[in-house]
C-alpha atoms as a PDB file:
ATOM      1  CA  MET A   1     139.909 113.339  80.783  1.00  0.00           C
ATOM      2  CA  ASN A   2     142.424 111.974  82.481  1.00  0.00           C
ATOM      3  CA  ALA A   3     145.146 114.017  85.148  1.00  0.00           C
ATOM      4  CA  PRO A   4     148.129 115.063  84.133  1.00  0.00           C
ATOM      5  CA  ASP A   5     150.889 111.973  84.737  1.00  0.00           C
ATOM      6  CA  TYR A   6     153.792 113.667  85.793  1.00  0.00           C
ATOM      7  CA  PRO A   7     154.958 113.560  89.308  1.00  0.00           C
ATOM      8  CA  LEU A   8     154.940 115.329  92.255  1.00  0.00           C
ATOM      9  CA  SER A   9     158.550 117.672  93.035  1.00  0.00           C
ATOM     10  CA  HIS A  10     159.652 117.802  96.740  1.00  0.00           C
ATOM     11  CA  THR A  11     158.524 121.373  96.460  1.00  0.00           C
ATOM     12  CA  ALA A  12     155.103 119.525  96.696  1.00  0.00           C
ATOM     13  CA  ALA A  13     155.320 117.993  99.851  1.00  0.00           C
ATOM     14  CA  ASP A  14     156.823 121.526 101.385  1.00  0.00           C
ATOM     15  CA  LEU A  15     153.033 122.937  99.818  1.00  0.00           C
ATOM     16  CA  GLN A  16     151.299 119.727 101.751  1.00  0.00           C
ATOM     17  CA  ALA A  17     152.779 120.870 105.090  1.00  0.00           C
ATOM     18  CA  MET A  18     152.021 124.513 104.571  1.00  0.00           C
ATOM     19  CA  MET A  19     148.303 122.972 104.170  1.00  0.00           C
ATOM     20  CA  ALA A  20     148.724 121.321 107.380  1.00  0.00           C
ATOM     21  CA  HIS A  21     149.841 124.514 108.935  1.00  0.00           C
ATOM     22  CA  LEU A  22     146.757 126.673 107.715  1.00  0.00           C
ATOM     23  CA  THR A  23     144.524 123.801 108.914  1.00  0.00           C
ATOM     24  CA  ALA A  24     146.333 124.027 112.412  1.00  0.00           C
ATOM     25  CA  ARG A  25     145.844 127.721 112.358  1.00  0.00           C
ATOM     26  CA  HIS A  26     142.766 128.355 110.759  1.00  0.00           C
ATOM     27  CA  GLY A  27     140.700 125.539 111.437  1.00  0.00           C
ATOM     28  CA  LEU A  28     140.608 125.017 107.272  1.00  0.00           C
ATOM     29  CA  ALA A  29     139.762 121.252 106.244  1.00  0.00           C
ATOM     30  CA  GLN A  30     142.816 118.835 104.033  1.00  0.00           C
ATOM     31  CA  PHE A  31     141.737 116.388 102.283  1.00  0.00           C
ATOM     32  CA  ASP A  32     142.159 113.734 100.143  1.00  0.00           C
ATOM     33  CA  ALA A  33     140.131 112.773  96.608  1.00  0.00           C
ATOM     34  CA  ALA A  34     138.845 109.973  99.188  1.00  0.00           C
ATOM     35  CA  GLY A  35     137.816 113.102 101.737  1.00  0.00           C
ATOM     36  CA  PHE A  36     136.689 115.550  98.968  1.00  0.00           C
ATOM     37  CA  ASP A  37     133.240 113.924  98.073  1.00  0.00           C
ATOM     38  CA  ASP A  38     132.112 113.976 102.104  1.00  0.00           C
ATOM     39  CA  PHE A  39     133.242 117.509 102.427  1.00  0.00           C
ATOM     40  CA  ALA A  40     131.389 118.643  99.174  1.00  0.00           C
ATOM     41  CA  ALA A  41     128.541 116.994  99.784  1.00  0.00           C
ATOM     42  CA  ALA A  42     127.764 118.447 103.413  1.00  0.00           C
ATOM     43  CA  ALA A  43     124.991 121.098 103.609  1.00  0.00           C
ATOM     44  CA  GLY A  44     126.084 124.897 103.358  1.00  0.00           C
ATOM     45  CA  ASP A  45     128.602 126.980 101.336  1.00  0.00           C
ATOM     46  CA  ARG A  46     131.960 125.860 100.875  1.00  0.00           C
ATOM     47  CA  VAL A  47     135.252 126.615  99.105  1.00  0.00           C
ATOM     48  CA  ILE A  48     138.230 124.218  98.502  1.00  0.00           C
ATOM     49  CA  LEU A  49     141.297 125.313  97.116  1.00  0.00           C
ATOM     50  CA  PHE A  50     142.450 123.529  93.717  1.00  0.00           C
ATOM     51  CA  ALA A  51     146.572 123.840  93.881  1.00  0.00           C
ATOM     52  CA  GLU A  52     149.277 122.373  91.746  1.00  0.00           C
ATOM     53  CA  ASP A  53     152.764 121.268  92.101  1.00  0.00           C
ATOM     54  CA  PRO A  54     154.415 125.010  92.985  1.00  0.00           C
ATOM     55  CA  VAL A  55     157.645 124.159  90.742  1.00  0.00           C
ATOM     56  CA  ARG A  56     154.811 123.745  88.009  1.00  0.00           C
ATOM     57  CA  VAL A  57     152.511 126.433  89.253  1.00  0.00           C
ATOM     58  CA  PRO A  58     154.159 128.606  91.691  1.00  0.00           C
ATOM     59  CA  GLU A  59     150.690 130.958  92.162  1.00  0.00           C
ATOM     60  CA  SER A  60     149.946 127.917  94.227  1.00  0.00           C
ATOM     61  CA  TRP A  61     151.898 129.327  97.185  1.00  0.00           C
ATOM     62  CA  ASP A  62     149.881 132.608  96.790  1.00  0.00           C
ATOM     63  CA  ALA A  63     146.610 131.184  96.841  1.00  0.00           C
ATOM     64  CA  LEU A  64     147.363 129.110 100.551  1.00  0.00           C
ATOM     65  CA  VAL A  65     148.116 132.853 101.682  1.00  0.00           C
ATOM     66  CA  VAL A  66     145.325 134.777  99.885  1.00  0.00           C
ATOM     67  CA  LEU A  67     142.341 132.025 100.783  1.00  0.00           C
ATOM     68  CA  PRO A  68     142.548 133.252 104.999  1.00  0.00           C
ATOM     69  CA  GLU A  69     142.279 136.420 104.008  1.00  0.00           C
ATOM     70  CA  LEU A  70     139.416 135.988 101.595  1.00  0.00           C
ATOM     71  CA  LEU A  71     137.878 133.917 104.634  1.00  0.00           C
ATOM     72  CA  LYS A  72     138.168 137.134 106.766  1.00  0.00           C
ATOM     73  CA  LEU A  73     135.586 139.203 104.598  1.00  0.00           C
ATOM     74  CA  GLN A  74     133.000 136.824 105.527  1.00  0.00           C
ATOM     75  CA  PRO A  75     133.473 135.004 108.579  1.00  0.00           C
ATOM     76  CA  GLY A  76     132.152 131.887 109.437  1.00  0.00           C
ATOM     77  CA  ARG A  77     129.848 132.036 106.120  1.00  0.00           C
ATOM     78  CA  LEU A  78     131.978 129.585 104.229  1.00  0.00           C
ATOM     79  CA  ALA A  79     133.510 126.263 105.528  1.00  0.00           C
ATOM     80  CA  ALA A  80     136.875 126.297 103.670  1.00  0.00           C
ATOM     81  CA  GLY A  81     138.571 122.996 102.224  1.00  0.00           C
ATOM     82  CA  LEU A  82     142.179 122.544 101.266  1.00  0.00           C
ATOM     83  CA  LEU A  83     142.591 119.301  98.514  1.00  0.00           C
ATOM     84  CA  ASP A  84     145.964 117.924  98.142  1.00  0.00           C
ATOM     85  CA  VAL A  85     147.337 118.394  94.696  1.00  0.00           C
ATOM     86  CA  GLY A  86     147.290 114.685  93.183  1.00  0.00           C
ATOM     87  CA  SER A  87     143.504 114.899  94.005  1.00  0.00           C
ATOM     88  CA  ALA A  88     143.405 118.110  92.908  1.00  0.00           C
ATOM     89  CA  ARG A  89     144.527 116.853  89.641  1.00  0.00           C
ATOM     90  CA  ALA A  90     142.098 114.021  89.094  1.00  0.00           C
ATOM     91  CA  LEU A  91     139.156 116.210  90.499  1.00  0.00           C
ATOM     92  CA  ALA A  92     139.337 119.240  88.853  1.00  0.00           C
ATOM     93  CA  PRO A  93     138.045 118.109  85.518  1.00  0.00           C
ATOM     94  CA  ARG A  94     134.763 116.732  87.300  1.00  0.00           C
ATOM     95  CA  TYR A  95     134.472 120.938  87.661  1.00  0.00           C
ATOM     96  CA  GLY A  96     135.533 122.299  84.103  1.00  0.00           C
ATOM     97  CA  ILE A  97     138.872 123.582  86.338  1.00  0.00           C
ATOM     98  CA  ALA A  98     141.189 124.404  83.769  1.00  0.00           C
ATOM     99  CA  ARG A  99     143.343 126.998  85.690  1.00  0.00           C
ATOM    100  CA  PHE A 100     145.183 126.339  88.731  1.00  0.00           C
ATOM    101  CA  PRO A 101     145.155 127.483  91.441  1.00  0.00           C
ATOM    102  CA  ALA A 102     141.464 127.104  91.468  1.00  0.00           C
ATOM    103  CA  LEU A 103     138.635 128.097  94.560  1.00  0.00           C
ATOM    104  CA  LEU A 104     135.790 126.126  93.690  1.00  0.00           C
ATOM    105  CA  PHE A 105     132.280 126.692  95.228  1.00  0.00           C
ATOM    106  CA  LEU A 106     129.989 124.298  96.112  1.00  0.00           C
ATOM    107  CA  ARG A 107     126.536 124.468  98.280  1.00  0.00           C
ATOM    108  CA  ASP A 108     125.005 121.694  99.878  1.00  0.00           C
ATOM    109  CA  GLY A 109     126.991 119.259  97.239  1.00  0.00           C
ATOM    110  CA  GLY A 110     125.779 121.661  94.022  1.00  0.00           C
ATOM    111  CA  TYR A 111     128.143 123.442  92.239  1.00  0.00           C
ATOM    112  CA  VAL A 112     128.170 127.224  92.263  1.00  0.00           C
ATOM    113  CA  GLY A 113     131.205 128.627  90.207  1.00  0.00           C
ATOM    114  CA  ALA A 114     134.926 128.926  90.222  1.00  0.00           C
ATOM    115  CA  ILE A 115     137.569 131.578  90.341  1.00  0.00           C
ATOM    116  CA  GLU A 116     140.393 129.863  88.332  1.00  0.00           C
ATOM    117  CA  GLY A 117     144.221 131.518  88.650  1.00  0.00           C
ATOM    118  CA  LEU A 118     145.199 134.613  91.070  1.00  0.00           C
ATOM    119  CA  ARG A 119     143.376 137.606  90.691  1.00  0.00           C
ATOM    120  CA  ASP A 120     144.205 141.146  91.588  1.00  0.00           C
ATOM    121  CA  TRP A 121     143.205 141.803  95.945  1.00  0.00           C
ATOM    122  CA  GLY A 122     140.206 143.936  94.607  1.00  0.00           C
ATOM    123  CA  ASP A 123     138.871 141.284  91.867  1.00  0.00           C
ATOM    124  CA  TYR A 124     139.603 138.376  94.202  1.00  0.00           C
ATOM    125  CA  ALA A 125     137.483 140.011  96.867  1.00  0.00           C
ATOM    126  CA  ARG A 126     134.525 141.448  94.421  1.00  0.00           C
ATOM    127  CA  GLU A 127     134.502 137.494  92.968  1.00  0.00           C
ATOM    128  CA  PHE A 128     134.803 136.121  96.492  1.00  0.00           C
ATOM    129  CA  ALA A 129     132.005 138.279  98.019  1.00  0.00           C
ATOM    130  CA  ALA A 130     129.470 137.150  95.092  1.00  0.00           C
ATOM    131  CA  MET A 131     130.135 133.581  95.313  1.00  0.00           C
ATOM    132  CA  PRO A 132     127.470 132.841  97.957  1.00  0.00           C
ATOM    133  CA  ALA A 133     125.073 134.828  96.327  1.00  0.00           C
ATOM    134  CA  ARG A 134     124.910 133.132  92.773  1.00  0.00           C
ATOM    135  CA  PRO A 135     122.355 129.758  92.731  1.00  0.00           C
ATOM    136  CA  VAL A 136     123.449 126.393  92.239  1.00  0.00           C
ATOM    137  CA  GLY A 137     124.100 125.237  88.540  1.00  0.00           C
ATOM    138  CA  ARG A 138     125.909 122.834  86.859  1.00  0.00           C
ATOM    139  CA  ALA A 139     129.594 122.739  85.889  1.00  0.00           C
ATOM    140  CA  PRO A 140     130.683 123.734  83.076  1.00  0.00           C
ATOM    141  CA  LEU A 141     131.858 120.232  82.417  1.00  0.00           C
ATOM    142  CA  ALA A 142     128.675 118.738  82.463  1.00  0.00           C
ATOM    143  CA  LEU A 143     126.914 121.262  80.577  1.00  0.00           C
ATOM    144  CA  ARG A 144     129.455 120.144  77.503  1.00  0.00           C
ATOM    145  CA  ALA A 145     128.412 116.370  77.663  1.00  0.00           C
ATOM    146  CA  GLU A 146     125.175 116.918  78.488  1.00  0.00           C
ATOM    147  CA  SER A 147     125.274 118.898  75.398  1.00  0.00           C
ATOM    148  CA  SER A 148     127.411 116.956  73.354  1.00  0.00           C
ATOM    149  CA  ALA A 149     124.650 113.696  74.198  1.00  0.00           C
ATOM    150  CA  GLY A 150     122.217 115.068  72.487  1.00  0.00           C
ATOM    151  CA  CYS A 151     123.318 116.031  69.746  1.00  0.00           C
ATOM    152  CA  HIS A 152     123.677 112.110  68.403  1.00  0.00           C
END
């Protein structure tokens, strides 16, 4: 499955600028596909924001504002990263992410879970708080590929 082939709007550049601001202000990592694997594979619990072009998915702006607030609920518990829009499109299928914005949770490089789309604050906070207690497993796409491989 390939990433959608449509150009980013000029507003996507504004989203990237906001990501740079959050990186400076809150110490969040910011990277593209080339830096993703290194960040994702590092030891510990990680959360990565997958945002989409805000012209297509305006909730991407909201997710940028919500993530630092969610991190305050568990200070120092998770390393957080912001993935650029083009890379998010390309990497989303690897983790079965079908809806943007999404928060991907990893531990020591392994898949823990994802929160897709926006939530009410209480739901977001509850799901976010529960992620570090979940075991490492396989991304949904990996499960589908494995099960269909065994059905030949």
